[in-house]
PDB file of N, CA and C in Angstrom:
ATOM      1  N   UNK A   1     -79.702 104.997 132.228  1.00  0.00           N
ATOM      2  CA  UNK A   1     -79.721 105.500 130.990  1.00  0.00           C
ATOM      3  C   UNK A   1     -81.149 105.268 130.148  1.00  0.00           C
ATOM      4  N   UNK A   2     -81.633 103.968 130.508  1.00  0.00           N
ATOM      5  CA  UNK A   2     -82.888 104.000 129.772  1.00  0.00           C
ATOM      6  C   UNK A   2     -84.163 104.096 130.412  1.00  0.00           C
ATOM      7  N   UNK A   3     -83.740 104.358 131.879  1.00  0.00           N
ATOM      8  CA  UNK A   3     -85.297 104.747 132.903  1.00  0.00           C
ATOM      9  C   UNK A   3     -85.806 103.511 133.089  1.00  0.00           C
ATOM     10  N   UNK A   4     -85.415 102.319 132.905  1.00  0.00           N
ATOM     11  CA  UNK A   4     -85.919 101.377 133.733  1.00  0.00           C
ATOM     12  C   UNK A   4     -85.937 101.274 134.974  1.00  0.00           C
ATOM     13  N   UNK A   5     -84.868 101.355 135.575  1.00  0.00           N
ATOM     14  CA  UNK A   5     -84.769 101.082 137.251  1.00  0.00           C
ATOM     15  C   UNK A   5     -85.756 102.563 137.958  1.00  0.00           C
ATOM     16  N   UNK A   6     -85.782 103.416 137.317  1.00  0.00           N
ATOM     17  CA  UNK A   6     -86.744 104.755 137.541  1.00  0.00           C
ATOM     18  C   UNK A   6     -88.095 104.047 137.582  1.00  0.00           C
ATOM     19  N   UNK A   7     -88.501 103.474 136.601  1.00  0.00           N
ATOM     20  CA  UNK A   7     -89.853 103.012 136.446  1.00  0.00           C
ATOM     21  C   UNK A   7     -89.953 101.819 137.597  1.00  0.00           C
ATOM     22  N   UNK A   8     -89.033 101.047 137.961  1.00  0.00           N
ATOM     23  CA  UNK A   8     -89.547 100.002 138.911  1.00  0.00           C
ATOM     24  C   UNK A   8     -89.295 100.910 140.347  1.00  0.00           C
ATOM     25  N   UNK A   9     -88.640 101.807 140.548  1.00  0.00           N
ATOM     26  CA  UNK A   9     -88.693 102.563 141.879  1.00  0.00           C
ATOM     27  C   UNK A   9     -90.242 103.281 142.096  1.00  0.00           C
ATOM     28  N   UNK A  10     -90.615 103.972 140.783  1.00  0.00           N
ATOM     29  CA  UNK A  10     -91.845 104.328 140.513  1.00  0.00           C
ATOM     30  C   UNK A  10     -93.046 103.474 141.321  1.00  0.00           C
ATOM     31  N   UNK A  11     -92.972 102.279 140.676  1.00  0.00           N
ATOM     32  CA  UNK A  11     -93.834 101.297 141.292  1.00  0.00           C
ATOM     33  C   UNK A  11     -93.937 100.763 142.739  1.00  0.00           C
ATOM     34  N   UNK A  12     -92.638 101.008 143.418  1.00  0.00           N
ATOM     35  CA  UNK A  12     -92.325 100.534 144.807  1.00  0.00           C
ATOM     36  C   UNK A  12     -93.118 102.028 145.560  1.00  0.00           C
ATOM     37  N   UNK A  13     -92.754 103.368 144.833  1.00  0.00           N
ATOM     38  CA  UNK A  13     -93.109 104.449 145.455  1.00  0.00           C
ATOM     39  C   UNK A  13     -94.449 104.754 145.869  1.00  0.00           C
ATOM     40  N   UNK A  14     -95.406 103.651 145.021  1.00  0.00           N
ATOM     41  CA  UNK A  14     -96.829 104.000 144.988  1.00  0.00           C
ATOM     42  C   UNK A  14     -97.255 103.331 146.313  1.00  0.00           C
ATOM     43  N   UNK A  15     -96.483 102.130 146.670  1.00  0.00           N
ATOM     44  CA  UNK A  15     -97.061 101.389 148.060  1.00  0.00           C
ATOM     45  C   UNK A  15     -96.403 102.091 148.997  1.00  0.00           C
ATOM     46  N   UNK A  16     -95.309 102.934 148.990  1.00  0.00           N
ATOM     47  CA  UNK A  16     -94.722 103.781 150.215  1.00  0.00           C
ATOM     48  C   UNK A  16     -94.361 105.110 149.658  1.00  0.00           C
ATOM     49  N   UNK A  17     -95.599 105.925 149.911  1.00  0.00           N
ATOM     50  CA  UNK A  17     -95.452 107.410 149.302  1.00  0.00           C
ATOM     51  C   UNK A  17     -94.575 108.123 150.087  1.00  0.00           C
ATOM     52  N   UNK A  18     -94.615 107.946 151.191  1.00  0.00           N
ATOM     53  CA  UNK A  18     -93.735 109.046 152.083  1.00  0.00           C
ATOM     54  C   UNK A  18     -92.055 108.808 151.906  1.00  0.00           C
ATOM     55  N   UNK A  19     -92.036 107.329 151.085  1.00  0.00           N
ATOM     56  CA  UNK A  19     -90.213 106.855 151.072  1.00  0.00           C
ATOM     57  C   UNK A  19     -89.494 108.190 149.986  1.00  0.00           C
ATOM     58  N   UNK A  20     -88.745 108.564 150.427  1.00  0.00           N
ATOM     59  CA  UNK A  20     -87.694 109.293 149.584  1.00  0.00           C
ATOM     60  C   UNK A  20     -86.577 108.618 148.779  1.00  0.00           C
ATOM     61  N   UNK A  21     -86.679 109.117 147.705  1.00  0.00           N
ATOM     62  CA  UNK A  21     -85.522 108.494 146.645  1.00  0.00           C
ATOM     63  C   UNK A  21     -84.855 109.709 145.800  1.00  0.00           C
ATOM     64  N   UNK A  22     -83.574 109.046 145.308  1.00  0.00           N
ATOM     65  CA  UNK A  22     -82.951 110.329 144.593  1.00  0.00           C
ATOM     66  C   UNK A  22     -82.366 109.557 143.225  1.00  0.00           C
ATOM     67  N   UNK A  23     -82.526 109.781 142.301  1.00  0.00           N
ATOM     68  CA  UNK A  23     -81.771 109.317 141.018  1.00  0.00           C
ATOM     69  C   UNK A  23     -80.417 109.981 140.981  1.00  0.00           C
ATOM     70  N   UNK A  24     -79.524 108.990 140.921  1.00  0.00           N
ATOM     71  CA  UNK A  24     -77.868 109.378 140.941  1.00  0.00           C
ATOM     72  C   UNK A  24     -77.739 110.433 139.847  1.00  0.00           C
ATOM     73  N   UNK A  25     -78.126 109.743 138.632  1.00  0.00           N
ATOM     74  CA  UNK A  25     -77.599 110.547 137.220  1.00  0.00           C
ATOM     75  C   UNK A  25     -78.160 111.941 137.350  1.00  0.00           C
ATOM     76  N   UNK A  26     -79.067 112.132 138.100  1.00  0.00           N
ATOM     77  CA  UNK A  26     -80.035 113.684 137.954  1.00  0.00           C
ATOM     78  C   UNK A  26     -79.316 114.340 139.132  1.00  0.00           C
ATOM     79  N   UNK A  27     -78.678 114.046 139.771  1.00  0.00           N
ATOM     80  CA  UNK A  27     -78.291 114.448 141.362  1.00  0.00           C
ATOM     81  C   UNK A  27     -76.677 114.422 141.642  1.00  0.00           C
ATOM     82  N   UNK A  28     -75.922 114.648 140.425  1.00  0.00           N
ATOM     83  CA  UNK A  28     -74.611 114.492 140.434  1.00  0.00           C
ATOM     84  C   UNK A  28     -74.068 114.869 141.926  1.00  0.00           C
ATOM     85  N   UNK A  29     -74.615 115.996 142.331  1.00  0.00           N
ATOM     86  CA  UNK A  29     -73.708 116.508 143.661  1.00  0.00           C
ATOM     87  C   UNK A  29     -74.476 116.002 145.171  1.00  0.00           C
ATOM     88  N   UNK A  30     -75.361 115.023 144.731  1.00  0.00           N
ATOM     89  CA  UNK A  30     -75.981 114.438 146.014  1.00  0.00           C
ATOM     90  C   UNK A  30     -75.200 113.952 147.120  1.00  0.00           C
ATOM     91  N   UNK A  31     -75.268 114.147 148.220  1.00  0.00           N
ATOM     92  CA  UNK A  31     -74.648 113.828 149.528  1.00  0.00           C
ATOM     93  C   UNK A  31     -75.566 113.088 150.472  1.00  0.00           C
ATOM     94  N   UNK A  32     -75.506 111.820 150.565  1.00  0.00           N
ATOM     95  CA  UNK A  32     -76.083 110.992 151.422  1.00  0.00           C
ATOM     96  C   UNK A  32     -75.614 111.010 152.812  1.00  0.00           C
ATOM     97  N   UNK A  33     -76.059 110.991 153.910  1.00  0.00           N
ATOM     98  CA  UNK A  33     -75.814 110.787 155.363  1.00  0.00           C
ATOM     99  C   UNK A  33     -76.782 109.638 156.041  1.00  0.00           C
ATOM    100  N   UNK A  34     -77.288 109.424 155.696  1.00  0.00           N
ATOM    101  CA  UNK A  34     -78.371 108.265 156.131  1.00  0.00           C
ATOM    102  C   UNK A  34     -78.273 106.755 155.522  1.00  0.00           C
ATOM    103  N   UNK A  35     -78.545 105.916 156.365  1.00  0.00           N
ATOM    104  CA  UNK A  35     -78.873 104.382 155.598  1.00  0.00           C
ATOM    105  C   UNK A  35     -79.651 104.412 154.330  1.00  0.00           C
ATOM    106  N   UNK A  36     -78.816 103.964 153.287  1.00  0.00           N
ATOM    107  CA  UNK A  36     -79.781 103.894 152.174  1.00  0.00           C
ATOM    108  C   UNK A  36     -79.942 102.254 151.569  1.00  0.00           C
ATOM    109  N   UNK A  37     -80.782 102.148 150.662  1.00  0.00           N
ATOM    110  CA  UNK A  37     -80.887 100.865 149.922  1.00  0.00           C
ATOM    111  C   UNK A  37     -80.786 101.322 148.391  1.00  0.00           C
ATOM    112  N   UNK A  38     -79.689 100.608 148.154  1.00  0.00           N
ATOM    113  CA  UNK A  38     -79.325 101.285 146.212  1.00  0.00           C
ATOM    114  C   UNK A  38     -80.271 100.138 145.273  1.00  0.00           C
ATOM    115  N   UNK A  39     -80.906 100.806 144.362  1.00  0.00           N
ATOM    116  CA  UNK A  39     -81.134 100.194 143.348  1.00  0.00           C
ATOM    117  C   UNK A  39     -80.294 100.563 142.274  1.00  0.00           C
ATOM    118  N   UNK A  40     -79.808  99.516 141.344  1.00  0.00           N
ATOM    119  CA  UNK A  40     -79.001  99.786 140.295  1.00  0.00           C
ATOM    120  C   UNK A  40     -79.018  98.718 139.038  1.00  0.00           C
ATOM    121  N   UNK A  41     -79.413  99.644 137.673  1.00  0.00           N
ATOM    122  CA  UNK A  41     -79.248  98.687 136.929  1.00  0.00           C
ATOM    123  C   UNK A  41     -78.028  98.124 136.401  1.00  0.00           C
ATOM    124  N   UNK A  42     -77.859  97.181 135.634  1.00  0.00           N
ATOM    125  CA  UNK A  42     -76.569  96.487 135.067  1.00  0.00           C
ATOM    126  C   UNK A  42     -76.302  96.973 133.604  1.00  0.00           C
ATOM    127  N   UNK A  43     -75.076  97.301 133.410  1.00  0.00           N
ATOM    128  CA  UNK A  43     -74.645  97.819 132.100  1.00  0.00           C
ATOM    129  C   UNK A  43     -73.470  96.688 131.435  1.00  0.00           C
ATOM    130  N   UNK A  44     -73.168  97.224 130.321  1.00  0.00           N
ATOM    131  CA  UNK A  44     -71.902  96.261 129.712  1.00  0.00           C
ATOM    132  C   UNK A  44     -71.959  94.995 129.884  1.00  0.00           C
ATOM    133  N   UNK A  45     -73.193  94.513 129.685  1.00  0.00           N
ATOM    134  CA  UNK A  45     -72.828  92.737 129.936  1.00  0.00           C
ATOM    135  C   UNK A  45     -72.328  92.655 131.210  1.00  0.00           C
ATOM    136  N   UNK A  46     -72.843  93.172 132.276  1.00  0.00           N
ATOM    137  CA  UNK A  46     -72.804  92.785 133.855  1.00  0.00           C
ATOM    138  C   UNK A  46     -72.195  93.710 134.738  1.00  0.00           C
ATOM    139  N   UNK A  47     -71.920  94.765 134.279  1.00  0.00           N
ATOM    140  CA  UNK A  47     -71.185  96.029 134.823  1.00  0.00           C
ATOM    141  C   UNK A  47     -71.713  96.761 135.895  1.00  0.00           C
ATOM    142  N   UNK A  48     -71.260  97.507 136.671  1.00  0.00           N
ATOM    143  CA  UNK A  48     -71.926  98.505 137.615  1.00  0.00           C
ATOM    144  C   UNK A  48     -71.829  99.927 136.635  1.00  0.00           C
ATOM    145  N   UNK A  49     -72.711 100.553 136.629  1.00  0.00           N
ATOM    146  CA  UNK A  49     -72.784 101.678 136.150  1.00  0.00           C
ATOM    147  C   UNK A  49     -71.802 102.756 136.485  1.00  0.00           C
ATOM    148  N   UNK A  50     -71.073 103.260 135.777  1.00  0.00           N
ATOM    149  CA  UNK A  50     -69.940 104.461 136.323  1.00  0.00           C
ATOM    150  C   UNK A  50     -70.684 105.349 137.530  1.00  0.00           C
ATOM    151  N   UNK A  51     -71.521 105.776 136.944  1.00  0.00           N
ATOM    152  CA  UNK A  51     -72.325 106.971 138.075  1.00  0.00           C
ATOM    153  C   UNK A  51     -72.838 106.149 139.325  1.00  0.00           C
ATOM    154  N   UNK A  52     -72.996 105.038 139.606  1.00  0.00           N
ATOM    155  CA  UNK A  52     -73.248 104.187 140.859  1.00  0.00           C
ATOM    156  C   UNK A  52     -71.887 104.362 141.399  1.00  0.00           C
ATOM    157  N   UNK A  53     -70.828 103.799 141.072  1.00  0.00           N
ATOM    158  CA  UNK A  53     -69.551 103.545 141.176  1.00  0.00           C
ATOM    159  C   UNK A  53     -69.023 104.952 142.018  1.00  0.00           C
ATOM    160  N   UNK A  54     -69.255 105.993 141.153  1.00  0.00           N
ATOM    161  CA  UNK A  54     -68.760 107.278 141.600  1.00  0.00           C
ATOM    162  C   UNK A  54     -69.458 107.791 142.768  1.00  0.00           C
ATOM    163  N   UNK A  55     -70.622 107.292 142.788  1.00  0.00           N
ATOM    164  CA  UNK A  55     -71.714 107.908 144.138  1.00  0.00           C
ATOM    165  C   UNK A  55     -71.077 106.954 145.079  1.00  0.00           C
ATOM    166  N   UNK A  56     -70.864 105.730 144.854  1.00  0.00           N
ATOM    167  CA  UNK A  56     -70.598 105.173 146.245  1.00  0.00           C
ATOM    168  C   UNK A  56     -69.315 105.706 146.741  1.00  0.00           C
ATOM    169  N   UNK A  57     -68.218 106.164 145.771  1.00  0.00           N
ATOM    170  CA  UNK A  57     -66.660 106.218 146.488  1.00  0.00           C
ATOM    171  C   UNK A  57     -66.818 107.898 146.998  1.00  0.00           C
ATOM    172  N   UNK A  58     -67.375 108.578 146.279  1.00  0.00           N
ATOM    173  CA  UNK A  58     -67.408 110.105 146.637  1.00  0.00           C
ATOM    174  C   UNK A  58     -68.306 110.113 147.808  1.00  0.00           C
ATOM    175  N   UNK A  59     -67.706 111.270 148.705  1.00  0.00           N
ATOM    176  CA  UNK A  59     -68.371 111.599 150.094  1.00  0.00           C
ATOM    177  C   UNK A  59     -68.446 110.436 151.084  1.00  0.00           C
ATOM    178  N   UNK A  60     -67.783 109.260 150.801  1.00  0.00           N
ATOM    179  CA  UNK A  60     -67.878 108.092 151.848  1.00  0.00           C
ATOM    180  C   UNK A  60     -69.205 107.398 151.699  1.00  0.00           C
ATOM    181  N   UNK A  61     -70.330 107.478 150.573  1.00  0.00           N
ATOM    182  CA  UNK A  61     -71.263 107.272 150.316  1.00  0.00           C
ATOM    183  C   UNK A  61     -71.571 105.482 150.692  1.00  0.00           C
ATOM    184  N   UNK A  62     -70.351 105.046 150.460  1.00  0.00           N
ATOM    185  CA  UNK A  62     -70.088 103.528 150.725  1.00  0.00           C
ATOM    186  C   UNK A  62     -70.397 102.872 151.901  1.00  0.00           C
ATOM    187  N   UNK A  63     -70.518 103.941 153.133  1.00  0.00           N
ATOM    188  CA  UNK A  63     -70.379 103.714 154.397  1.00  0.00           C
ATOM    189  C   UNK A  63     -71.903 103.510 154.952  1.00  0.00           C
ATOM    190  N   UNK A  64     -72.704 104.318 153.885  1.00  0.00           N
ATOM    191  CA  UNK A  64     -74.234 104.215 154.379  1.00  0.00           C
ATOM    192  C   UNK A  64     -75.087 103.225 153.542  1.00  0.00           C
ATOM    193  N   UNK A  65     -74.487 102.434 152.507  1.00  0.00           N
ATOM    194  CA  UNK A  65     -75.406 101.658 151.960  1.00  0.00           C
ATOM    195  C   UNK A  65     -75.462 100.578 152.644  1.00  0.00           C
ATOM    196  N   UNK A  66     -77.181  99.999 152.722  1.00  0.00           N
ATOM    197  CA  UNK A  66     -77.112  99.073 153.611  1.00  0.00           C
ATOM    198  C   UNK A  66     -77.511  97.729 152.850  1.00  0.00           C
ATOM    199  N   UNK A  67     -77.985  97.721 151.553  1.00  0.00           N
ATOM    200  CA  UNK A  67     -78.146  96.654 150.898  1.00  0.00           C
ATOM    201  C   UNK A  67     -78.330  96.960 149.263  1.00  0.00           C
ATOM    202  N   UNK A  68     -78.519  96.231 148.390  1.00  0.00           N
ATOM    203  CA  UNK A  68     -78.624  96.514 146.986  1.00  0.00           C
ATOM    204  C   UNK A  68     -79.617  95.742 146.361  1.00  0.00           C
ATOM    205  N   UNK A  69     -80.288  96.165 145.559  1.00  0.00           N
ATOM    206  CA  UNK A  69     -81.284  95.381 144.429  1.00  0.00           C
ATOM    207  C   UNK A  69     -80.738  95.759 143.010  1.00  0.00           C
ATOM    208  N   UNK A  70     -80.618  94.719 142.122  1.00  0.00           N
ATOM    209  CA  UNK A  70     -80.268  95.153 140.932  1.00  0.00           C
ATOM    210  C   UNK A  70     -81.071  94.591 139.597  1.00  0.00           C
ATOM    211  N   UNK A  71     -81.161  95.167 138.672  1.00  0.00           N
ATOM    212  CA  UNK A  71     -81.718  94.812 137.498  1.00  0.00           C
ATOM    213  C   UNK A  71     -80.955  94.650 136.228  1.00  0.00           C
ATOM    214  N   UNK A  72     -81.389  93.635 135.237  1.00  0.00           N
ATOM    215  CA  UNK A  72     -80.503  93.452 134.136  1.00  0.00           C
ATOM    216  C   UNK A  72     -81.700  92.501 133.216  1.00  0.00           C
ATOM    217  N   UNK A  73     -80.702  92.031 132.202  1.00  0.00           N
ATOM    218  CA  UNK A  73     -81.489  91.551 131.076  1.00  0.00           C
ATOM    219  C   UNK A  73     -81.151  90.024 130.975  1.00  0.00           C
ATOM    220  N   UNK A  74     -81.882  89.230 131.072  1.00  0.00           N
ATOM    221  CA  UNK A  74     -81.917  87.778 131.281  1.00  0.00           C
ATOM    222  C   UNK A  74     -81.072  87.447 129.925  1.00  0.00           C
ATOM    223  N   UNK A  75     -81.051  88.107 128.745  1.00  0.00           N
ATOM    224  CA  UNK A  75     -80.456  87.674 127.570  1.00  0.00           C
ATOM    225  C   UNK A  75     -79.002  87.776 127.687  1.00  0.00           C
ATOM    226  N   UNK A  76     -78.472  88.488 128.961  1.00  0.00           N
ATOM    227  CA  UNK A  76     -76.797  88.328 129.432  1.00  0.00           C
ATOM    228  C   UNK A  76     -76.561  87.162 129.642  1.00  0.00           C
ATOM    229  N   UNK A  77     -77.499  85.970 130.149  1.00  0.00           N
ATOM    230  CA  UNK A  77     -76.934  84.673 130.878  1.00  0.00           C
ATOM    231  C   UNK A  77     -76.525  85.037 131.895  1.00  0.00           C
ATOM    232  N   UNK A  78     -75.005  84.607 132.616  1.00  0.00           N
ATOM    233  CA  UNK A  78     -74.549  84.602 133.927  1.00  0.00           C
ATOM    234  C   UNK A  78     -74.322  86.013 134.386  1.00  0.00           C
ATOM    235  N   UNK A  79     -74.515  87.011 133.290  1.00  0.00           N
ATOM    236  CA  UNK A  79     -74.008  88.429 133.602  1.00  0.00           C
ATOM    237  C   UNK A  79     -75.397  89.319 134.082  1.00  0.00           C
ATOM    238  N   UNK A  80     -76.501  88.609 134.172  1.00  0.00           N
ATOM    239  CA  UNK A  80     -78.000  88.892 134.208  1.00  0.00           C
ATOM    240  C   UNK A  80     -77.917  89.475 135.639  1.00  0.00           C
ATOM    241  N   UNK A  81     -78.339  90.964 135.693  1.00  0.00           N
ATOM    242  CA  UNK A  81     -78.211  92.098 136.895  1.00  0.00           C
ATOM    243  C   UNK A  81     -76.754  91.635 138.179  1.00  0.00           C
ATOM    244  N   UNK A  82     -75.850  91.308 137.199  1.00  0.00           N
ATOM    245  CA  UNK A  82     -74.589  91.114 137.706  1.00  0.00           C
ATOM    246  C   UNK A  82     -74.215  92.458 138.690  1.00  0.00           C
ATOM    247  N   UNK A  83     -74.632  93.567 138.353  1.00  0.00           N
ATOM    248  CA  UNK A  83     -73.977  94.814 139.254  1.00  0.00           C
ATOM    249  C   UNK A  83     -74.349  94.605 140.550  1.00  0.00           C
ATOM    250  N   UNK A  84     -75.573  94.335 140.959  1.00  0.00           N
ATOM    251  CA  UNK A  84     -75.949  93.849 142.341  1.00  0.00           C
ATOM    252  C   UNK A  84     -74.539  92.814 142.797  1.00  0.00           C
ATOM    253  N   UNK A  85     -74.642  91.756 142.369  1.00  0.00           N
ATOM    254  CA  UNK A  85     -73.380  91.086 142.880  1.00  0.00           C
ATOM    255  C   UNK A  85     -72.097  91.670 143.163  1.00  0.00           C
ATOM    256  N   UNK A  86     -71.787  92.414 142.156  1.00  0.00           N
ATOM    257  CA  UNK A  86     -70.512  93.086 142.109  1.00  0.00           C
ATOM    258  C   UNK A  86     -70.649  93.991 143.350  1.00  0.00           C
ATOM    259  N   UNK A  87     -71.440  94.752 143.536  1.00  0.00           N
ATOM    260  CA  UNK A  87     -71.718  95.803 144.716  1.00  0.00           C
ATOM    261  C   UNK A  87     -71.853  95.074 146.252  1.00  0.00           C
ATOM    262  N   UNK A  88     -72.871  93.995 145.951  1.00  0.00           N
ATOM    263  CA  UNK A  88     -72.546  93.200 147.287  1.00  0.00           C
ATOM    264  C   UNK A  88     -71.253  92.603 147.849  1.00  0.00           C
ATOM    265  N   UNK A  89     -70.638  92.163 147.019  1.00  0.00           N
ATOM    266  CA  UNK A  89     -69.107  91.597 147.314  1.00  0.00           C
ATOM    267  C   UNK A  89     -68.372  92.552 147.647  1.00  0.00           C
ATOM    268  N   UNK A  90     -68.228  93.740 146.888  1.00  0.00           N
ATOM    269  CA  UNK A  90     -67.221  94.852 147.332  1.00  0.00           C
ATOM    270  C   UNK A  90     -67.540  95.521 148.390  1.00  0.00           C
ATOM    271  N   UNK A  91     -68.548  95.780 148.813  1.00  0.00           N
ATOM    272  CA  UNK A  91     -69.156  96.780 149.975  1.00  0.00           C
ATOM    273  C   UNK A  91     -69.856  96.016 151.173  1.00  0.00           C
ATOM    274  N   UNK A  92     -69.989  94.737 151.034  1.00  0.00           N
ATOM    275  CA  UNK A  92     -70.014  93.696 152.225  1.00  0.00           C
ATOM    276  C   UNK A  92     -71.321  93.939 152.282  1.00  0.00           C
ATOM    277  N   UNK A  93     -72.606  94.234 151.516  1.00  0.00           N
ATOM    278  CA  UNK A  93     -74.063  94.347 151.666  1.00  0.00           C
ATOM    279  C   UNK A  93     -74.838  93.398 151.276  1.00  0.00           C
ATOM    280  N   UNK A  94     -75.873  93.120 151.811  1.00  0.00           N
ATOM    281  CA  UNK A  94     -76.634  91.986 151.203  1.00  0.00           C
ATOM    282  C   UNK A  94     -77.344  92.429 149.830  1.00  0.00           C
ATOM    283  N   UNK A  95     -77.252  91.424 148.984  1.00  0.00           N
ATOM    284  CA  UNK A  95     -78.162  91.655 147.834  1.00  0.00           C
ATOM    285  C   UNK A  95     -79.490  91.055 148.135  1.00  0.00           C
ATOM    286  N   UNK A  96     -80.182  92.040 147.830  1.00  0.00           N
ATOM    287  CA  UNK A  96     -81.586  91.471 148.526  1.00  0.00           C
ATOM    288  C   UNK A  96     -82.522  90.926 147.186  1.00  0.00           C
ATOM    289  N   UNK A  97     -82.458  91.509 145.995  1.00  0.00           N
ATOM    290  CA  UNK A  97     -83.156  90.748 144.827  1.00  0.00           C
ATOM    291  C   UNK A  97     -82.691  91.284 143.401  1.00  0.00           C
ATOM    292  N   UNK A  98     -82.976  90.440 142.720  1.00  0.00           N
ATOM    293  CA  UNK A  98     -82.598  90.714 141.089  1.00  0.00           C
ATOM    294  C   UNK A  98     -83.874  90.590 140.366  1.00  0.00           C
ATOM    295  N   UNK A  99     -83.949  91.541 139.385  1.00  0.00           N
ATOM    296  CA  UNK A  99     -85.341  91.631 138.778  1.00  0.00           C
ATOM    297  C   UNK A  99     -84.842  91.690 137.205  1.00  0.00           C
ATOM    298  N   UNK A 100     -85.600  91.515 136.090  1.00  0.00           N
ATOM    299  CA  UNK A 100     -85.366  91.656 134.689  1.00  0.00           C
ATOM    300  C   UNK A 100     -86.063  93.158 134.645  1.00  0.00           C
ATOM    301  N   UNK A 101     -85.421  93.735 133.649  1.00  0.00           N
ATOM    302  CA  UNK A 101     -85.723  95.175 132.958  1.00  0.00           C
ATOM    303  C   UNK A 101     -86.496  96.108 134.069  1.00  0.00           C
ATOM    304  N   UNK A 102     -87.929  95.918 133.697  1.00  0.00           N
ATOM    305  CA  UNK A 102     -88.730  96.940 134.496  1.00  0.00           C
ATOM    306  C   UNK A 102     -89.275  96.274 135.879  1.00  0.00           C
ATOM    307  N   UNK A 103     -89.091  94.872 135.858  1.00  0.00           N
ATOM    308  CA  UNK A 103     -89.649  93.996 136.817  1.00  0.00           C
ATOM    309  C   UNK A 103     -91.176  93.799 136.835  1.00  0.00           C
ATOM    310  N   UNK A 104     -91.779  92.819 137.128  1.00  0.00           N
ATOM    311  CA  UNK A 104     -92.993  92.168 137.412  1.00  0.00           C
ATOM    312  C   UNK A 104     -93.521  92.486 138.522  1.00  0.00           C
ATOM    313  N   UNK A 105     -94.830  92.429 138.634  1.00  0.00           N
ATOM    314  CA  UNK A 105     -95.820  92.720 139.895  1.00  0.00           C
ATOM    315  C   UNK A 105     -94.932  91.564 141.148  1.00  0.00           C
ATOM    316  N   UNK A 106     -94.888  90.648 140.844  1.00  0.00           N
ATOM    317  CA  UNK A 106     -94.011  89.718 141.631  1.00  0.00           C
ATOM    318  C   UNK A 106     -92.557  90.268 142.211  1.00  0.00           C
ATOM    319  N   UNK A 107     -92.218  90.701 141.443  1.00  0.00           N
ATOM    320  CA  UNK A 107     -90.606  91.396 141.737  1.00  0.00           C
ATOM    321  C   UNK A 107     -90.891  92.556 142.544  1.00  0.00           C
ATOM    322  N   UNK A 108     -92.068  93.370 142.480  1.00  0.00           N
ATOM    323  CA  UNK A 108     -92.473  94.834 143.099  1.00  0.00           C
ATOM    324  C   UNK A 108     -92.948  94.256 144.411  1.00  0.00           C
ATOM    325  N   UNK A 109     -93.739  93.122 144.377  1.00  0.00           N
ATOM    326  CA  UNK A 109     -94.064  92.476 145.769  1.00  0.00           C
ATOM    327  C   UNK A 109     -92.824  91.918 146.734  1.00  0.00           C
ATOM    328  N   UNK A 110     -92.176  91.243 145.860  1.00  0.00           N
ATOM    329  CA  UNK A 110     -91.014  90.783 146.685  1.00  0.00           C
ATOM    330  C   UNK A 110     -89.949  91.626 147.106  1.00  0.00           C
ATOM    331  N   UNK A 111     -89.634  92.814 147.012  1.00  0.00           N
ATOM    332  CA  UNK A 111     -89.091  93.998 147.545  1.00  0.00           C
ATOM    333  C   UNK A 111     -89.678  94.775 148.216  1.00  0.00           C
ATOM    334  N   UNK A 112     -91.176  94.903 147.895  1.00  0.00           N
ATOM    335  CA  UNK A 112     -91.967  95.261 149.178  1.00  0.00           C
ATOM    336  C   UNK A 112     -91.699  94.544 150.545  1.00  0.00           C
ATOM    337  N   UNK A 113     -91.823  93.442 150.278  1.00  0.00           N
ATOM    338  CA  UNK A 113     -92.040  92.389 151.492  1.00  0.00           C
ATOM    339  C   UNK A 113     -90.436  92.661 152.067  1.00  0.00           C
ATOM    340  N   UNK A 114     -89.406  92.753 151.294  1.00  0.00           N
ATOM    341  CA  UNK A 114     -88.220  92.876 151.817  1.00  0.00           C
ATOM    342  C   UNK A 114     -87.998  94.234 152.929  1.00  0.00           C
ATOM    343  N   UNK A 115     -88.650  95.385 152.189  1.00  0.00           N
ATOM    344  CA  UNK A 115     -88.507  96.644 152.522  1.00  0.00           C
ATOM    345  C   UNK A 115     -89.560  96.552 153.968  1.00  0.00           C
ATOM    346  N   UNK A 116     -90.262  95.907 154.042  1.00  0.00           N
ATOM    347  CA  UNK A 116     -91.311  95.972 155.305  1.00  0.00           C
ATOM    348  C   UNK A 116     -90.630  95.448 156.321  1.00  0.00           C
ATOM    349  N   UNK A 117     -89.739  94.263 155.825  1.00  0.00           N
ATOM    350  CA  UNK A 117     -88.893  93.576 157.007  1.00  0.00           C
ATOM    351  C   UNK A 117     -88.027  94.307 157.541  1.00  0.00           C
ATOM    352  N   UNK A 118     -87.295  95.198 156.650  1.00  0.00           N
ATOM    353  CA  UNK A 118     -86.139  96.134 156.888  1.00  0.00           C
ATOM    354  C   UNK A 118     -86.765  96.882 158.055  1.00  0.00           C
TER     355      UNK A 118
END
């Protein structure tokens, strides 16, 4: 909704120009049949966005998710970036990283290192 996650992905994309990505809210009919890494914001004080839940359940996308990275706002205290924890638990995938709002360069570097290891 705010575009913060998309801004973070654009920073990652600069380092991996061949990486493809899709914005779920812009591609409601998106069907994925390859393993993917999910980047998600956290909404409503710790919740998974409805669009993300719908996407994971639609077309059995939940079988292709390999890991999750989530964003949030530290003002939410224990609910900071909680969507990633929910997804990690519900779909039994690793939570790779949590970052605040658009993320810092350190967050970008951390995620880039994780992607390179994958």
